[in-house]
Amino acid sequence: MNKALAALAAAGIAATSLIAVAPTASAAGCVTSPIWTGYKAPGTVAYKAASACSDLNLTYADDQTIGNWDAYAGFYKNASGVWTIGSRGYIAIADSSYALDNFVLVSDLTPGRAFSVASASEGGDYVEITH
């Protein structure tokens, strides 16, 4: 009986280890870019990857000042090279990690297009955009 319980426990630990290491299917093929936000304007510039993800997903936020949240907006350069705010505007987001499709800042951005993120309260916040 004790050997059977030990074998079950070992199998459970092995299965848990495999689950923890395996990437989520929804994130497969996506790229994550670190961004320092601008104040109501684009911050760090990144470029949309040619990946399985067609959207700009905010997957991590860390407001660097007082408070544990800010409102963030995605920006991209349009065909004329002008910075344009995404149609969703500013979205209030608490400091945390988030799954894909939880906070989509810009949808259907073409590969190679320049993008960035702005904060509504102040610039200098750190976010990660998975695209």
C-alpha atoms as a PDB file:
ATOM      1  CA  MET A   1       0.000   0.000   0.000  1.00  0.00           C
ATOM      2  CA  ASN A   2       2.786   2.450   0.922  1.00  0.00           C
ATOM      3  CA  LYS A   3       4.595   1.633  -2.353  1.00  0.00           C
ATOM      4  CA  ALA A   4       1.407   2.347  -4.307  1.00  0.00           C
ATOM      5  CA  LEU A   5       0.943   5.715  -2.566  1.00  0.00           C
ATOM      6  CA  ALA A   6       4.583   6.618  -3.151  1.00  0.00           C
ATOM      7  CA  ALA A   7       4.251   5.741  -6.856  1.00  0.00           C
ATOM      8  CA  LEU A   8       1.101   7.873  -7.142  1.00  0.00           C
ATOM      9  CA  ALA A   9       2.808  10.797  -5.413  1.00  0.00           C
ATOM     10  CA  ALA A  10       5.842  10.508  -7.718  1.00  0.00           C
ATOM     11  CA  ALA A  11       3.603  10.404 -10.789  1.00  0.00           C
ATOM     12  CA  GLY A  12       1.730  13.484  -9.578  1.00  0.00           C
ATOM     13  CA  ILE A  13       4.961  15.415  -9.037  1.00  0.00           C
ATOM     14  CA  ALA A  14       6.238  14.436 -12.504  1.00  0.00           C
ATOM     15  CA  ALA A  15       2.975  15.469 -14.157  1.00  0.00           C
ATOM     16  CA  THR A  16       2.956  18.795 -12.303  1.00  0.00           C
ATOM     17  CA  SER A  17       6.537  19.483 -13.438  1.00  0.00           C
ATOM     18  CA  LEU A  18       5.607  18.846 -17.059  1.00  0.00           C
ATOM     19  CA  ILE A  19       2.602  21.147 -16.854  1.00  0.00           C
ATOM     20  CA  ALA A  20       4.621  23.972 -15.317  1.00  0.00           C
ATOM     21  CA  VAL A  21       7.281  23.834 -18.065  1.00  0.00           C
ATOM     22  CA  ALA A  22       4.959  23.556 -21.072  1.00  0.00           C
ATOM     23  CA  PRO A  23       4.069  26.930 -22.682  1.00  0.00           C
ATOM     24  CA  THR A  24       0.412  27.805 -23.051  1.00  0.00           C
ATOM     25  CA  ALA A  25      -0.993  26.979 -26.463  1.00  0.00           C
ATOM     26  CA  SER A  26      -2.379  30.497 -26.923  1.00  0.00           C
ATOM     27  CA  ALA A  27       1.081  32.050 -26.450  1.00  0.00           C
ATOM     28  CA  ALA A  28       2.840  29.693 -28.876  1.00  0.00           C
ATOM     29  CA  GLY A  29       4.617  31.625 -31.586  1.00  0.00           C
ATOM     30  CA  CYS A  30       4.082  35.062 -30.016  1.00  0.00           C
ATOM     31  CA  VAL A  31       6.815  37.584 -29.224  1.00  0.00           C
ATOM     32  CA  THR A  32       6.959  39.768 -26.093  1.00  0.00           C
ATOM     33  CA  SER A  33       8.457  43.275 -26.165  1.00  0.00           C
ATOM     34  CA  PRO A  34       9.355  45.357 -23.082  1.00  0.00           C
ATOM     35  CA  ILE A  35       8.079  48.946 -23.278  1.00  0.00           C
ATOM     36  CA  TRP A  36       8.672  52.013 -21.097  1.00  0.00           C
ATOM     37  CA  THR A  37       5.574  54.155 -21.560  1.00  0.00           C
ATOM     38  CA  GLY A  38       5.413  57.785 -22.551  1.00  0.00           C
ATOM     39  CA  TYR A  39       3.117  60.308 -20.869  1.00  0.00           C
ATOM     40  CA  LYS A  40       0.040  60.499 -23.115  1.00  0.00           C
ATOM     41  CA  ALA A  41       2.390  59.837 -26.029  1.00  0.00           C
ATOM     42  CA  PRO A  42       4.378  56.874 -27.355  1.00  0.00           C
ATOM     43  CA  GLY A  43       7.267  55.634 -25.234  1.00  0.00           C
ATOM     44  CA  THR A  44       9.761  52.936 -26.244  1.00  0.00           C
ATOM     45  CA  VAL A  45       9.233  51.932 -29.875  1.00  0.00           C
ATOM     46  CA  ALA A  46       8.944  48.272 -30.898  1.00  0.00           C
ATOM     47  CA  TYR A  47       7.948  46.615 -34.166  1.00  0.00           C
ATOM     48  CA  LYS A  48       5.134  44.147 -34.719  1.00  0.00           C
ATOM     49  CA  ALA A  49       6.548  40.674 -35.210  1.00  0.00           C
ATOM     50  CA  ALA A  50       5.469  38.319 -37.981  1.00  0.00           C
ATOM     51  CA  SER A  51       3.952  35.896 -35.475  1.00  0.00           C
ATOM     52  CA  ALA A  52       0.800  33.928 -34.782  1.00  0.00           C
ATOM     53  CA  CYS A  53      -0.465  36.840 -32.662  1.00  0.00           C
ATOM     54  CA  SER A  54      -2.157  39.555 -34.715  1.00  0.00           C
ATOM     55  CA  ASP A  55      -2.924  41.863 -31.768  1.00  0.00           C
ATOM     56  CA  LEU A  56      -0.939  43.928 -29.273  1.00  0.00           C
ATOM     57  CA  ASN A  57      -1.727  42.256 -25.933  1.00  0.00           C
ATOM     58  CA  LEU A  58      -0.671  43.932 -22.702  1.00  0.00           C
ATOM     59  CA  THR A  59       0.513  40.914 -20.679  1.00  0.00           C
ATOM     60  CA  TYR A  60       2.345  42.680 -17.833  1.00  0.00           C
ATOM     61  CA  ALA A  61       1.984  46.115 -16.234  1.00  0.00           C
ATOM     62  CA  ASP A  62       3.999  47.850 -13.503  1.00  0.00           C
ATOM     63  CA  ASP A  63       3.085  51.430 -12.665  1.00  0.00           C
ATOM     64  CA  GLN A  64       6.355  52.933 -11.433  1.00  0.00           C
ATOM     65  CA  THR A  65       4.817  55.657  -9.271  1.00  0.00           C
ATOM     66  CA  ILE A  66       2.257  55.885  -6.476  1.00  0.00           C
ATOM     67  CA  GLY A  67      -0.630  53.508  -6.932  1.00  0.00           C
ATOM     68  CA  ASN A  68      -0.909  50.067  -8.406  1.00  0.00           C
ATOM     69  CA  TRP A  69      -2.516  50.900 -11.736  1.00  0.00           C
ATOM     70  CA  ASP A  70      -2.616  53.290 -14.653  1.00  0.00           C
ATOM     71  CA  ALA A  71      -4.545  53.627 -17.897  1.00  0.00           C
ATOM     72  CA  TYR A  72      -2.635  52.494 -20.993  1.00  0.00           C
ATOM     73  CA  ALA A  73      -3.212  53.029 -24.705  1.00  0.00           C
ATOM     74  CA  GLY A  74      -1.549  51.419 -27.681  1.00  0.00           C
ATOM     75  CA  PHE A  75      -0.124  53.626 -30.428  1.00  0.00           C
ATOM     76  CA  TYR A  76       1.060  52.653 -33.909  1.00  0.00           C
ATOM     77  CA  LYS A  77       2.504  54.491 -36.891  1.00  0.00           C
ATOM     78  CA  ASN A  78      -0.072  54.679 -39.674  1.00  0.00           C
ATOM     79  CA  ALA A  79       0.722  54.398 -43.397  1.00  0.00           C
ATOM     80  CA  SER A  80       1.687  58.105 -43.448  1.00  0.00           C
ATOM     81  CA  GLY A  81       4.164  57.609 -40.577  1.00  0.00           C
ATOM     82  CA  VAL A  82       2.003  59.466 -38.038  1.00  0.00           C
ATOM     83  CA  TRP A  83       1.540  58.091 -34.516  1.00  0.00           C
ATOM     84  CA  THR A  84      -2.096  57.037 -34.085  1.00  0.00           C
ATOM     85  CA  ILE A  85      -3.857  55.944 -30.894  1.00  0.00           C
ATOM     86  CA  GLY A  86      -5.559  52.543 -31.051  1.00  0.00           C
ATOM     87  CA  SER A  87      -9.361  52.533 -31.298  1.00  0.00           C
ATOM     88  CA  ARG A  88      -9.715  51.190 -27.746  1.00  0.00           C
ATOM     89  CA  GLY A  89      -8.160  54.333 -26.283  1.00  0.00           C
ATOM     90  CA  TYR A  90      -6.954  54.223 -22.684  1.00  0.00           C
ATOM     91  CA  ILE A  91      -7.741  51.131 -20.614  1.00  0.00           C
ATOM     92  CA  ALA A  92      -7.347  51.122 -16.800  1.00  0.00           C
ATOM     93  CA  ILE A  93      -5.076  48.217 -15.861  1.00  0.00           C
ATOM     94  CA  ALA A  94      -3.781  47.176 -12.423  1.00  0.00           C
ATOM     95  CA  ASP A  95      -0.185  46.083 -11.863  1.00  0.00           C
ATOM     96  CA  SER A  96      -0.057  42.358 -12.652  1.00  0.00           C
ATOM     97  CA  SER A  97       0.541  39.716 -15.311  1.00  0.00           C
ATOM     98  CA  TYR A  98      -2.267  38.966 -17.759  1.00  0.00           C
ATOM     99  CA  ALA A  99      -3.196  36.277 -20.272  1.00  0.00           C
ATOM    100  CA  LEU A 100      -3.390  36.898 -24.005  1.00  0.00           C
ATOM    101  CA  ASP A 101      -6.616  38.556 -25.139  1.00  0.00           C
ATOM    102  CA  ASN A 102      -7.298  39.978 -21.660  1.00  0.00           C
ATOM    103  CA  PHE A 103      -6.149  43.502 -22.621  1.00  0.00           C
ATOM    104  CA  VAL A 104      -5.823  44.033 -26.384  1.00  0.00           C
ATOM    105  CA  LEU A 105      -4.510  47.559 -27.014  1.00  0.00           C
ATOM    106  CA  VAL A 106      -4.462  47.388 -30.841  1.00  0.00           C
ATOM    107  CA  SER A 107      -5.970  44.727 -33.127  1.00  0.00           C
ATOM    108  CA  ASP A 108      -4.745  43.385 -36.464  1.00  0.00           C
ATOM    109  CA  LEU A 109      -1.478  45.298 -36.668  1.00  0.00           C
ATOM    110  CA  THR A 110       0.597  44.369 -39.710  1.00  0.00           C
ATOM    111  CA  PRO A 111       4.081  42.870 -39.234  1.00  0.00           C
ATOM    112  CA  GLY A 112       6.883  45.426 -39.218  1.00  0.00           C
ATOM    113  CA  ARG A 113       4.608  48.281 -38.083  1.00  0.00           C
ATOM    114  CA  ALA A 114       6.069  50.515 -35.324  1.00  0.00           C
ATOM    115  CA  PHE A 115       4.090  50.538 -32.063  1.00  0.00           C
ATOM    116  CA  SER A 116       4.359  51.848 -28.528  1.00  0.00           C
ATOM    117  CA  VAL A 117       2.321  52.429 -25.349  1.00  0.00           C
ATOM    118  CA  ALA A 118       1.329  55.572 -23.448  1.00  0.00           C
ATOM    119  CA  SER A 119       0.290  56.032 -19.808  1.00  0.00           C
ATOM    120  CA  ALA A 120      -2.507  58.431 -18.896  1.00  0.00           C
ATOM    121  CA  SER A 121      -1.219  59.437 -15.440  1.00  0.00           C
ATOM    122  CA  GLU A 122       2.506  59.777 -16.125  1.00  0.00           C
ATOM    123  CA  GLY A 123       5.152  58.221 -18.324  1.00  0.00           C
ATOM    124  CA  GLY A 124       7.879  55.807 -17.322  1.00  0.00           C
ATOM    125  CA  ASP A 125       5.741  52.774 -16.499  1.00  0.00           C
ATOM    126  CA  TYR A 126       6.989  49.342 -17.533  1.00  0.00           C
ATOM    127  CA  VAL A 127       4.711  47.118 -19.604  1.00  0.00           C
ATOM    128  CA  GLU A 128       5.174  44.010 -21.699  1.00  0.00           C
ATOM    129  CA  ILE A 129       3.353  43.674 -25.002  1.00  0.00           C
ATOM    130  CA  THR A 130       2.893  40.216 -26.475  1.00  0.00           C
ATOM    131  CA  HIS A 131       2.379  40.303 -30.230  1.00  0.00           C
END
